[in-house]
N, C-alpha and C. Protein backbone atom coordinates (compact mmCIF):
# COMPACT_ATOMS: atom_id res chain seq x y z
N MET A 1 4.57 -17.69 52.67
CA MET A 1 3.79 -18.70 51.99
C MET A 1 3.21 -19.63 53.05
N ALA A 2 1.96 -19.98 52.95
CA ALA A 2 1.30 -20.84 53.93
C ALA A 2 1.77 -22.28 53.78
N ILE A 3 1.63 -23.06 54.87
CA ILE A 3 2.04 -24.46 54.86
C ILE A 3 1.29 -25.22 53.78
N LYS A 4 -0.01 -24.94 53.58
CA LYS A 4 -0.80 -25.64 52.56
C LYS A 4 -0.16 -25.48 51.19
N GLU A 5 0.26 -24.24 50.85
CA GLU A 5 0.89 -24.00 49.55
C GLU A 5 2.19 -24.78 49.43
N GLN A 6 2.95 -24.87 50.54
CA GLN A 6 4.20 -25.62 50.52
C GLN A 6 3.93 -27.09 50.24
N GLU A 7 2.88 -27.62 50.86
CA GLU A 7 2.56 -29.03 50.68
C GLU A 7 2.10 -29.32 49.26
N LEU A 8 1.45 -28.35 48.62
CA LEU A 8 1.02 -28.54 47.24
C LEU A 8 2.20 -28.54 46.29
N GLY A 9 3.29 -27.91 46.70
CA GLY A 9 4.46 -27.87 45.84
C GLY A 9 4.38 -26.79 44.78
N ILE A 10 3.61 -25.73 45.04
CA ILE A 10 3.49 -24.64 44.07
C ILE A 10 3.70 -23.32 44.81
N ASP A 11 4.56 -22.48 44.28
CA ASP A 11 4.75 -21.15 44.82
C ASP A 11 3.73 -20.26 44.11
N ILE A 12 2.70 -19.84 44.85
CA ILE A 12 1.59 -19.09 44.27
C ILE A 12 2.08 -17.77 43.65
N SER A 13 3.04 -17.11 44.28
CA SER A 13 3.49 -15.81 43.77
C SER A 13 4.20 -15.92 42.43
N SER A 14 4.95 -17.01 42.21
CA SER A 14 5.68 -17.13 40.94
C SER A 14 5.09 -18.18 40.01
N GLY A 15 4.26 -19.09 40.54
CA GLY A 15 3.70 -20.14 39.71
C GLY A 15 4.65 -21.29 39.46
N GLU A 16 5.86 -21.24 40.08
CA GLU A 16 6.83 -22.31 39.86
C GLU A 16 6.56 -23.48 40.80
N GLU A 17 6.87 -24.67 40.31
CA GLU A 17 6.76 -25.84 41.15
C GLU A 17 7.89 -25.81 42.17
N THR A 18 7.62 -26.36 43.35
CA THR A 18 8.66 -26.41 44.38
C THR A 18 8.78 -27.82 44.90
N GLU A 19 9.96 -28.11 45.45
CA GLU A 19 10.16 -29.35 46.18
C GLU A 19 10.32 -28.95 47.63
N THR A 20 9.93 -29.82 48.54
CA THR A 20 10.12 -29.49 49.94
C THR A 20 11.32 -30.26 50.46
N THR A 21 12.06 -29.62 51.33
CA THR A 21 13.22 -30.27 51.93
C THR A 21 13.10 -30.18 53.44
N GLU A 22 13.57 -31.18 54.11
CA GLU A 22 13.54 -31.19 55.57
C GLU A 22 14.73 -30.42 56.11
N THR A 23 14.50 -29.59 57.13
CA THR A 23 15.58 -28.91 57.82
C THR A 23 15.76 -29.59 59.16
N PRO A 24 16.84 -29.29 59.84
CA PRO A 24 17.05 -29.93 61.14
C PRO A 24 15.89 -29.76 62.11
N LYS A 25 15.12 -28.68 61.99
CA LYS A 25 14.00 -28.45 62.90
C LYS A 25 12.73 -29.11 62.39
N ASN A 26 12.82 -29.97 61.37
CA ASN A 26 11.68 -30.66 60.76
C ASN A 26 10.65 -29.71 60.17
N SER A 27 11.04 -28.50 59.82
CA SER A 27 10.10 -27.61 59.14
C SER A 27 10.35 -27.72 57.64
N LYS A 28 9.29 -27.58 56.90
CA LYS A 28 9.40 -27.71 55.45
C LYS A 28 9.70 -26.34 54.84
N ILE A 29 10.73 -26.28 54.01
CA ILE A 29 11.09 -25.05 53.31
C ILE A 29 11.06 -25.36 51.82
N PRO A 30 10.33 -24.54 51.04
CA PRO A 30 10.26 -24.82 49.61
C PRO A 30 11.60 -24.56 48.92
N LYS A 31 11.91 -25.39 47.96
CA LYS A 31 13.09 -25.22 47.12
C LYS A 31 12.58 -25.15 45.69
N THR A 32 12.86 -24.07 44.99
CA THR A 32 12.35 -23.87 43.64
C THR A 32 13.00 -24.86 42.68
N VAL A 33 12.15 -25.47 41.85
CA VAL A 33 12.64 -26.37 40.81
C VAL A 33 12.72 -25.55 39.53
N LYS A 34 13.89 -25.45 38.97
CA LYS A 34 14.07 -24.68 37.72
C LYS A 34 13.53 -25.50 36.56
N ASP A 35 12.78 -24.83 35.68
CA ASP A 35 12.33 -25.49 34.46
C ASP A 35 13.54 -25.74 33.59
N GLU A 36 13.65 -26.96 33.09
CA GLU A 36 14.74 -27.25 32.18
C GLU A 36 14.35 -26.74 30.80
N LYS A 37 15.07 -25.72 30.35
CA LYS A 37 14.78 -25.17 29.03
C LYS A 37 15.53 -25.97 27.99
N LYS A 38 14.80 -26.35 26.97
CA LYS A 38 15.44 -27.05 25.87
C LYS A 38 16.18 -26.02 25.03
N THR A 39 17.43 -26.30 24.76
CA THR A 39 18.19 -25.36 23.96
C THR A 39 18.08 -25.74 22.49
N TYR A 40 18.17 -24.76 21.67
CA TYR A 40 18.12 -24.97 20.23
C TYR A 40 19.06 -23.97 19.59
N GLY A 41 19.54 -24.35 18.44
CA GLY A 41 20.44 -23.49 17.71
C GLY A 41 19.70 -22.69 16.66
N GLU A 42 20.38 -21.68 16.14
CA GLU A 42 19.80 -20.84 15.10
C GLU A 42 19.41 -21.67 13.88
N ARG A 43 20.23 -22.65 13.55
CA ARG A 43 19.96 -23.46 12.37
C ARG A 43 18.70 -24.32 12.56
N ASP A 44 18.32 -24.61 13.79
CA ASP A 44 17.10 -25.37 14.05
C ASP A 44 15.86 -24.60 13.58
N LEU A 45 15.98 -23.29 13.43
CA LEU A 45 14.86 -22.47 12.98
C LEU A 45 14.67 -22.51 11.47
N HIS A 46 15.67 -23.00 10.75
CA HIS A 46 15.61 -22.99 9.28
C HIS A 46 14.41 -23.77 8.75
N LYS A 47 14.11 -24.91 9.35
CA LYS A 47 12.98 -25.71 8.86
C LYS A 47 11.66 -24.96 9.05
N LEU A 48 11.52 -24.26 10.18
CA LEU A 48 10.31 -23.47 10.41
C LEU A 48 10.18 -22.37 9.36
N LEU A 49 11.29 -21.65 9.13
CA LEU A 49 11.24 -20.57 8.14
C LEU A 49 10.99 -21.13 6.75
N SER A 50 11.63 -22.22 6.41
CA SER A 50 11.46 -22.82 5.08
C SER A 50 10.01 -23.22 4.85
N THR A 51 9.37 -23.78 5.86
CA THR A 51 7.96 -24.17 5.75
C THR A 51 7.08 -22.94 5.55
N TYR A 52 7.34 -21.90 6.33
CA TYR A 52 6.58 -20.66 6.18
C TYR A 52 6.77 -20.07 4.79
N LEU A 53 8.02 -20.01 4.33
CA LEU A 53 8.30 -19.41 3.03
C LEU A 53 7.62 -20.17 1.90
N LYS A 54 7.62 -21.49 1.99
CA LYS A 54 6.98 -22.30 0.94
C LYS A 54 5.50 -21.96 0.85
N SER A 55 4.87 -21.67 2.00
CA SER A 55 3.45 -21.31 1.99
C SER A 55 3.21 -19.96 1.31
N THR A 56 4.27 -19.16 1.14
CA THR A 56 4.14 -17.87 0.46
C THR A 56 4.67 -17.92 -0.97
N GLY A 57 5.04 -19.12 -1.43
CA GLY A 57 5.52 -19.27 -2.80
C GLY A 57 7.01 -19.05 -2.98
N VAL A 58 7.76 -18.96 -1.88
CA VAL A 58 9.21 -18.77 -1.94
C VAL A 58 9.88 -20.10 -1.66
N TYR A 59 10.79 -20.50 -2.53
CA TYR A 59 11.57 -21.72 -2.33
C TYR A 59 12.90 -21.32 -1.71
N SER A 60 13.27 -21.98 -0.61
CA SER A 60 14.44 -21.54 0.14
C SER A 60 15.48 -22.63 0.29
N LYS A 61 16.67 -22.19 0.65
CA LYS A 61 17.80 -23.10 0.84
C LYS A 61 18.69 -22.53 1.94
N THR A 62 19.19 -23.41 2.81
CA THR A 62 20.13 -23.02 3.85
C THR A 62 21.51 -22.83 3.25
N ILE A 63 22.21 -21.80 3.68
CA ILE A 63 23.59 -21.56 3.27
C ILE A 63 24.49 -22.05 4.41
N PHE A 64 25.35 -23.00 4.10
CA PHE A 64 26.29 -23.52 5.09
C PHE A 64 27.57 -22.69 4.98
N HIS A 65 27.58 -21.54 5.65
CA HIS A 65 28.70 -20.60 5.53
C HIS A 65 30.01 -21.17 6.04
N GLU A 66 29.95 -22.18 6.91
CA GLU A 66 31.19 -22.77 7.42
C GLU A 66 31.94 -23.53 6.34
N LEU A 67 31.28 -23.83 5.23
CA LEU A 67 31.92 -24.51 4.11
C LEU A 67 32.49 -23.53 3.09
N SER A 68 32.36 -22.23 3.36
CA SER A 68 32.83 -21.21 2.43
C SER A 68 34.34 -21.29 2.26
N ASN A 69 34.79 -20.95 1.06
CA ASN A 69 36.23 -20.92 0.78
C ASN A 69 36.90 -19.72 1.43
N SER A 70 36.12 -18.71 1.77
CA SER A 70 36.69 -17.50 2.37
C SER A 70 36.94 -17.73 3.85
N LYS A 71 38.19 -17.70 4.25
CA LYS A 71 38.55 -17.87 5.66
C LYS A 71 38.91 -16.54 6.30
N ASP A 72 38.66 -15.44 5.58
CA ASP A 72 38.97 -14.11 6.07
C ASP A 72 37.98 -13.73 7.17
N ASN A 73 38.47 -13.49 8.38
CA ASN A 73 37.60 -13.14 9.50
C ASN A 73 36.90 -11.80 9.31
N ASN A 74 37.40 -10.98 8.40
CA ASN A 74 36.75 -9.70 8.12
C ASN A 74 35.51 -9.88 7.25
N GLN A 75 35.29 -11.08 6.76
CA GLN A 75 34.16 -11.36 5.88
C GLN A 75 33.06 -12.16 6.59
N ILE A 76 32.90 -11.96 7.90
CA ILE A 76 31.94 -12.78 8.66
C ILE A 76 30.49 -12.54 8.26
N TRP A 77 30.18 -11.39 7.67
CA TRP A 77 28.81 -11.10 7.28
C TRP A 77 28.61 -11.24 5.79
N THR A 78 29.36 -12.09 5.15
CA THR A 78 29.28 -12.26 3.70
C THR A 78 28.08 -13.10 3.30
N HIS A 79 27.75 -14.11 4.08
CA HIS A 79 26.73 -15.08 3.69
C HIS A 79 25.47 -14.94 4.55
N PRO A 80 24.30 -14.92 3.92
CA PRO A 80 23.07 -14.96 4.70
C PRO A 80 22.87 -16.38 5.25
N ASP A 81 21.96 -16.53 6.19
CA ASP A 81 21.65 -17.86 6.72
C ASP A 81 20.88 -18.69 5.71
N MET A 82 19.97 -18.05 5.00
CA MET A 82 19.16 -18.74 4.00
C MET A 82 18.94 -17.81 2.81
N VAL A 83 18.69 -18.42 1.67
CA VAL A 83 18.31 -17.68 0.47
C VAL A 83 17.00 -18.24 -0.03
N GLY A 84 16.29 -17.43 -0.79
CA GLY A 84 15.02 -17.89 -1.34
C GLY A 84 14.82 -17.32 -2.72
N ILE A 85 13.99 -18.00 -3.48
CA ILE A 85 13.66 -17.53 -4.82
C ILE A 85 12.16 -17.70 -5.02
N LYS A 86 11.57 -16.69 -5.63
CA LYS A 86 10.14 -16.72 -5.93
C LYS A 86 9.98 -16.50 -7.43
N PHE A 87 9.42 -17.47 -8.10
CA PHE A 87 9.19 -17.38 -9.53
C PHE A 87 7.88 -16.65 -9.78
N LEU A 88 7.89 -15.76 -10.74
CA LEU A 88 6.71 -14.96 -11.05
C LEU A 88 6.18 -15.31 -12.43
N ASN A 89 4.87 -15.35 -12.57
CA ASN A 89 4.21 -15.50 -13.87
C ASN A 89 4.66 -16.72 -14.66
N LEU A 90 4.87 -17.82 -14.01
CA LEU A 90 5.31 -19.02 -14.73
C LEU A 90 4.34 -20.17 -14.52
N GLN A 91 3.06 -19.91 -14.73
CA GLN A 91 2.05 -20.93 -14.48
C GLN A 91 1.98 -21.99 -15.58
N THR A 92 2.22 -21.62 -16.82
CA THR A 92 2.06 -22.58 -17.92
C THR A 92 3.35 -22.69 -18.71
N LYS A 93 3.47 -23.77 -19.43
CA LYS A 93 4.65 -23.99 -20.28
C LYS A 93 4.75 -22.91 -21.36
N VAL A 94 3.61 -22.49 -21.90
CA VAL A 94 3.60 -21.45 -22.93
C VAL A 94 4.17 -20.14 -22.36
N SER A 95 3.72 -19.76 -21.14
CA SER A 95 4.23 -18.51 -20.56
C SER A 95 5.72 -18.63 -20.23
N GLN A 96 6.17 -19.80 -19.80
CA GLN A 96 7.60 -20.00 -19.52
C GLN A 96 8.42 -19.82 -20.79
N ASN A 97 7.99 -20.43 -21.88
CA ASN A 97 8.72 -20.31 -23.15
C ASN A 97 8.69 -18.87 -23.66
N PHE A 98 7.54 -18.22 -23.53
CA PHE A 98 7.41 -16.85 -23.98
C PHE A 98 8.38 -15.94 -23.20
N LEU A 99 8.42 -16.10 -21.86
CA LEU A 99 9.30 -15.27 -21.04
C LEU A 99 10.77 -15.52 -21.37
N LYS A 100 11.12 -16.77 -21.65
CA LYS A 100 12.49 -17.06 -22.05
C LYS A 100 12.82 -16.35 -23.35
N TYR A 101 11.86 -16.33 -24.25
CA TYR A 101 12.08 -15.74 -25.58
C TYR A 101 12.25 -14.22 -25.51
N ILE A 102 11.34 -13.52 -24.83
CA ILE A 102 11.44 -12.06 -24.81
C ILE A 102 12.32 -11.54 -23.68
N ASN A 103 12.39 -12.26 -22.59
CA ASN A 103 13.26 -11.96 -21.45
C ASN A 103 13.18 -10.49 -21.01
N ARG A 104 11.99 -9.90 -21.07
CA ARG A 104 11.82 -8.52 -20.63
C ARG A 104 11.06 -8.41 -19.31
N ILE A 105 10.34 -9.43 -18.98
CA ILE A 105 9.53 -9.42 -17.77
C ILE A 105 10.30 -10.13 -16.66
N ASP A 106 10.24 -9.57 -15.46
CA ASP A 106 10.88 -10.24 -14.33
C ASP A 106 10.31 -11.64 -14.19
N THR A 107 11.18 -12.61 -14.06
CA THR A 107 10.72 -13.99 -13.93
C THR A 107 10.94 -14.53 -12.52
N PHE A 108 11.78 -13.86 -11.74
CA PHE A 108 11.98 -14.31 -10.37
C PHE A 108 12.53 -13.18 -9.51
N LYS A 109 12.41 -13.36 -8.21
CA LYS A 109 12.97 -12.43 -7.23
C LYS A 109 13.83 -13.25 -6.27
N LEU A 110 15.00 -12.72 -5.92
CA LEU A 110 15.89 -13.39 -4.98
C LEU A 110 15.72 -12.77 -3.59
N HIS A 111 15.70 -13.64 -2.59
CA HIS A 111 15.49 -13.23 -1.20
C HIS A 111 16.69 -13.67 -0.36
N SER A 112 17.00 -12.88 0.65
CA SER A 112 18.06 -13.19 1.60
C SER A 112 17.46 -13.14 3.00
N TYR A 113 17.82 -14.11 3.85
CA TYR A 113 17.26 -14.18 5.20
C TYR A 113 18.37 -14.32 6.23
N GLU A 114 18.35 -13.45 7.21
CA GLU A 114 19.27 -13.55 8.35
C GLU A 114 18.42 -13.96 9.55
N LEU A 115 18.71 -15.14 10.11
CA LEU A 115 17.92 -15.67 11.22
C LEU A 115 18.59 -15.43 12.56
N LYS A 116 17.77 -15.11 13.55
CA LYS A 116 18.24 -14.95 14.92
C LYS A 116 17.26 -15.65 15.85
N ARG A 117 17.81 -16.32 16.85
CA ARG A 117 16.95 -16.97 17.85
C ARG A 117 16.16 -15.93 18.61
N GLU A 118 16.85 -14.89 19.05
CA GLU A 118 16.18 -13.85 19.82
C GLU A 118 16.90 -12.52 19.64
N ILE A 119 16.12 -11.48 19.78
CA ILE A 119 16.65 -10.12 19.76
C ILE A 119 16.01 -9.42 20.96
N ASN A 120 16.83 -9.13 21.97
CA ASN A 120 16.30 -8.64 23.23
C ASN A 120 16.45 -7.14 23.46
N ASN A 121 17.39 -6.51 22.76
CA ASN A 121 17.62 -5.09 23.03
C ASN A 121 18.04 -4.37 21.75
N ASP A 122 18.16 -3.06 21.86
CA ASP A 122 18.47 -2.23 20.70
C ASP A 122 19.83 -2.58 20.09
N SER A 123 20.79 -2.86 20.92
CA SER A 123 22.12 -3.22 20.43
C SER A 123 22.09 -4.50 19.61
N GLU A 124 21.40 -5.52 20.11
CA GLU A 124 21.27 -6.79 19.37
C GLU A 124 20.50 -6.58 18.07
N LEU A 125 19.47 -5.73 18.12
CA LEU A 125 18.68 -5.44 16.92
C LEU A 125 19.56 -4.81 15.84
N LYS A 126 20.33 -3.80 16.21
CA LYS A 126 21.15 -3.11 15.21
C LYS A 126 22.24 -4.02 14.66
N LYS A 127 22.85 -4.82 15.50
CA LYS A 127 23.88 -5.75 15.02
C LYS A 127 23.28 -6.74 14.03
N ALA A 128 22.15 -7.33 14.38
CA ALA A 128 21.49 -8.30 13.50
C ALA A 128 21.00 -7.62 12.22
N PHE A 129 20.45 -6.42 12.37
CA PHE A 129 19.92 -5.71 11.22
C PHE A 129 21.01 -5.40 10.20
N PHE A 130 22.13 -4.86 10.67
CA PHE A 130 23.19 -4.50 9.73
C PHE A 130 23.92 -5.72 9.19
N GLN A 131 23.84 -6.82 9.90
CA GLN A 131 24.32 -8.08 9.34
C GLN A 131 23.42 -8.46 8.16
N ALA A 132 22.11 -8.30 8.33
CA ALA A 132 21.17 -8.58 7.24
C ALA A 132 21.40 -7.64 6.06
N VAL A 133 21.65 -6.37 6.33
CA VAL A 133 21.95 -5.41 5.26
C VAL A 133 23.20 -5.83 4.51
N SER A 134 24.23 -6.18 5.26
CA SER A 134 25.53 -6.51 4.67
C SER A 134 25.47 -7.73 3.76
N ASN A 135 24.77 -8.76 4.19
CA ASN A 135 24.80 -10.00 3.40
C ASN A 135 23.61 -10.15 2.46
N SER A 136 22.86 -9.07 2.23
CA SER A 136 21.74 -9.19 1.29
C SER A 136 21.82 -8.16 0.17
N SER A 137 22.98 -7.57 -0.03
CA SER A 137 23.10 -6.54 -1.07
C SER A 137 22.84 -7.08 -2.47
N TRP A 138 23.02 -8.35 -2.69
CA TRP A 138 22.82 -8.99 -3.99
C TRP A 138 21.36 -9.37 -4.23
N ALA A 139 20.55 -9.37 -3.18
CA ALA A 139 19.18 -9.89 -3.27
C ALA A 139 18.18 -8.78 -3.61
N ASN A 140 17.06 -9.18 -4.19
CA ASN A 140 15.97 -8.24 -4.42
C ASN A 140 15.32 -7.84 -3.09
N TYR A 141 15.21 -8.80 -2.18
CA TYR A 141 14.58 -8.57 -0.88
C TYR A 141 15.45 -9.17 0.22
N GLY A 142 15.67 -8.41 1.28
CA GLY A 142 16.42 -8.90 2.44
C GLY A 142 15.54 -8.87 3.67
N TYR A 143 15.63 -9.92 4.48
CA TYR A 143 14.82 -10.01 5.69
C TYR A 143 15.67 -10.38 6.90
N LEU A 144 15.31 -9.81 8.04
CA LEU A 144 15.80 -10.24 9.33
C LEU A 144 14.67 -11.04 9.95
N VAL A 145 14.97 -12.26 10.38
CA VAL A 145 13.96 -13.17 10.91
C VAL A 145 14.32 -13.48 12.35
N ALA A 146 13.37 -13.32 13.27
CA ALA A 146 13.62 -13.61 14.68
C ALA A 146 12.51 -14.49 15.23
N PHE A 147 12.92 -15.49 16.01
CA PHE A 147 11.96 -16.37 16.67
C PHE A 147 11.37 -15.66 17.88
N ASP A 148 12.19 -14.88 18.55
CA ASP A 148 11.73 -14.18 19.75
C ASP A 148 12.37 -12.79 19.75
N PHE A 149 11.59 -11.77 19.99
CA PHE A 149 12.14 -10.42 20.08
C PHE A 149 11.32 -9.60 21.06
N SER A 150 11.95 -8.58 21.59
CA SER A 150 11.28 -7.70 22.53
C SER A 150 10.31 -6.79 21.78
N GLU A 151 9.07 -6.76 22.25
CA GLU A 151 8.04 -5.92 21.61
C GLU A 151 8.42 -4.44 21.64
N SER A 152 9.26 -4.05 22.60
CA SER A 152 9.66 -2.64 22.70
C SER A 152 10.52 -2.19 21.52
N LEU A 153 10.97 -3.12 20.70
CA LEU A 153 11.82 -2.80 19.55
C LEU A 153 11.04 -2.54 18.26
N THR A 154 9.73 -2.67 18.31
CA THR A 154 8.91 -2.59 17.10
C THR A 154 9.06 -1.25 16.38
N GLU A 155 9.06 -0.15 17.12
CA GLU A 155 9.21 1.17 16.47
C GLU A 155 10.56 1.30 15.78
N GLU A 156 11.62 0.81 16.42
CA GLU A 156 12.95 0.88 15.83
C GLU A 156 13.04 -0.02 14.61
N MET A 157 12.39 -1.17 14.66
CA MET A 157 12.34 -2.06 13.49
C MET A 157 11.70 -1.34 12.31
N GLU A 158 10.61 -0.65 12.58
CA GLU A 158 9.91 0.08 11.52
C GLU A 158 10.80 1.19 10.95
N ARG A 159 11.49 1.91 11.82
CA ARG A 159 12.37 2.99 11.36
C ARG A 159 13.49 2.43 10.48
N LEU A 160 14.12 1.35 10.92
CA LEU A 160 15.19 0.73 10.14
C LEU A 160 14.67 0.20 8.81
N ASN A 161 13.48 -0.38 8.84
CA ASN A 161 12.86 -0.88 7.61
C ASN A 161 12.64 0.26 6.61
N GLN A 162 12.12 1.38 7.09
CA GLN A 162 11.86 2.51 6.20
C GLN A 162 13.15 3.13 5.68
N SER A 163 14.21 3.10 6.48
CA SER A 163 15.48 3.70 6.07
C SER A 163 16.28 2.83 5.12
N PHE A 164 16.27 1.51 5.35
CA PHE A 164 17.18 0.63 4.61
C PHE A 164 16.48 -0.45 3.78
N GLY A 165 15.18 -0.64 3.98
CA GLY A 165 14.43 -1.58 3.15
C GLY A 165 14.49 -3.04 3.57
N ILE A 166 15.17 -3.35 4.65
CA ILE A 166 15.22 -4.74 5.13
C ILE A 166 13.92 -5.02 5.87
N GLY A 167 13.29 -6.14 5.54
CA GLY A 167 12.03 -6.52 6.18
C GLY A 167 12.25 -7.32 7.45
N PHE A 168 11.19 -7.50 8.21
CA PHE A 168 11.24 -8.27 9.45
C PHE A 168 10.16 -9.34 9.42
N ILE A 169 10.56 -10.56 9.76
CA ILE A 169 9.62 -11.68 9.87
C ILE A 169 9.67 -12.19 11.29
N GLU A 170 8.49 -12.34 11.89
CA GLU A 170 8.38 -12.95 13.21
C GLU A 170 8.11 -14.43 12.98
N LEU A 171 9.06 -15.27 13.39
CA LEU A 171 8.95 -16.71 13.19
C LEU A 171 8.21 -17.32 14.37
N ASN A 172 7.28 -18.23 14.08
CA ASN A 172 6.47 -18.88 15.11
C ASN A 172 6.77 -20.37 15.10
N ALA A 173 6.60 -21.03 16.24
CA ALA A 173 6.81 -22.48 16.31
C ALA A 173 5.89 -23.21 15.34
N ASN A 174 4.71 -22.65 15.09
CA ASN A 174 3.84 -23.13 14.03
C ASN A 174 4.13 -22.24 12.82
N PRO A 175 4.89 -22.74 11.84
CA PRO A 175 5.34 -21.87 10.76
C PRO A 175 4.21 -21.18 10.00
N TYR A 176 3.02 -21.74 10.01
CA TYR A 176 1.90 -21.12 9.30
C TYR A 176 1.36 -19.90 10.05
N GLN A 177 1.81 -19.72 11.30
CA GLN A 177 1.44 -18.53 12.07
C GLN A 177 2.56 -17.49 12.08
N SER A 178 3.65 -17.78 11.39
CA SER A 178 4.71 -16.78 11.23
C SER A 178 4.15 -15.65 10.38
N LYS A 179 4.73 -14.45 10.54
CA LYS A 179 4.19 -13.33 9.78
C LYS A 179 5.26 -12.29 9.48
N ILE A 180 5.03 -11.61 8.39
CA ILE A 180 5.89 -10.49 8.01
C ILE A 180 5.41 -9.27 8.79
N LEU A 181 6.27 -8.72 9.64
CA LEU A 181 5.93 -7.52 10.39
C LEU A 181 6.12 -6.28 9.53
N PHE A 182 7.22 -6.25 8.78
CA PHE A 182 7.52 -5.16 7.87
C PHE A 182 8.07 -5.76 6.59
N SER A 183 7.46 -5.43 5.47
CA SER A 183 7.87 -5.98 4.18
C SER A 183 9.19 -5.37 3.73
N ALA A 184 10.00 -6.19 3.08
CA ALA A 184 11.25 -5.70 2.50
C ALA A 184 10.93 -4.83 1.29
N LYS A 185 11.78 -3.86 1.06
CA LYS A 185 11.61 -2.96 -0.09
C LYS A 185 12.54 -3.40 -1.21
N TYR A 186 12.05 -3.31 -2.43
CA TYR A 186 12.83 -3.71 -3.60
C TYR A 186 13.61 -2.53 -4.11
């Protein structure tokens, strides 16, 4: 790296900012400054997903599984991270009363969501996917939601979706740009 680049404080090859330090010979040697990554928890993603779901007509709620009465460690995949409900055909009071009376038409669909901060490899994908399968057996639609995932997993996501019916949602920091990659099957 040239002296000019060192003085600018930028490592051209990596794009990282550098600090210069003096050595005993008074030559400047760059020292890489690590970007401080803000950490976030899986539950921090719930608000993003909830906002996205509301834009699709699904009302959602976080499940606080730590408050569950079941303390059995074999039941770790019992509760989804979030649940959602979508009401169908209930635009007017007349239609609501009619549906209550005949009760033959579906009036709502239940959704289950398993959220993950990131899915980086096939092993993580399968673990998260089967967790979603396990805790969404009661729901009409089950989804695995990831904020960050490896693009190389897309084919496997599609295969799992076709085999088991669990959908995939790519969550974005702007919830209105989140999208369903593969729809859940009913």
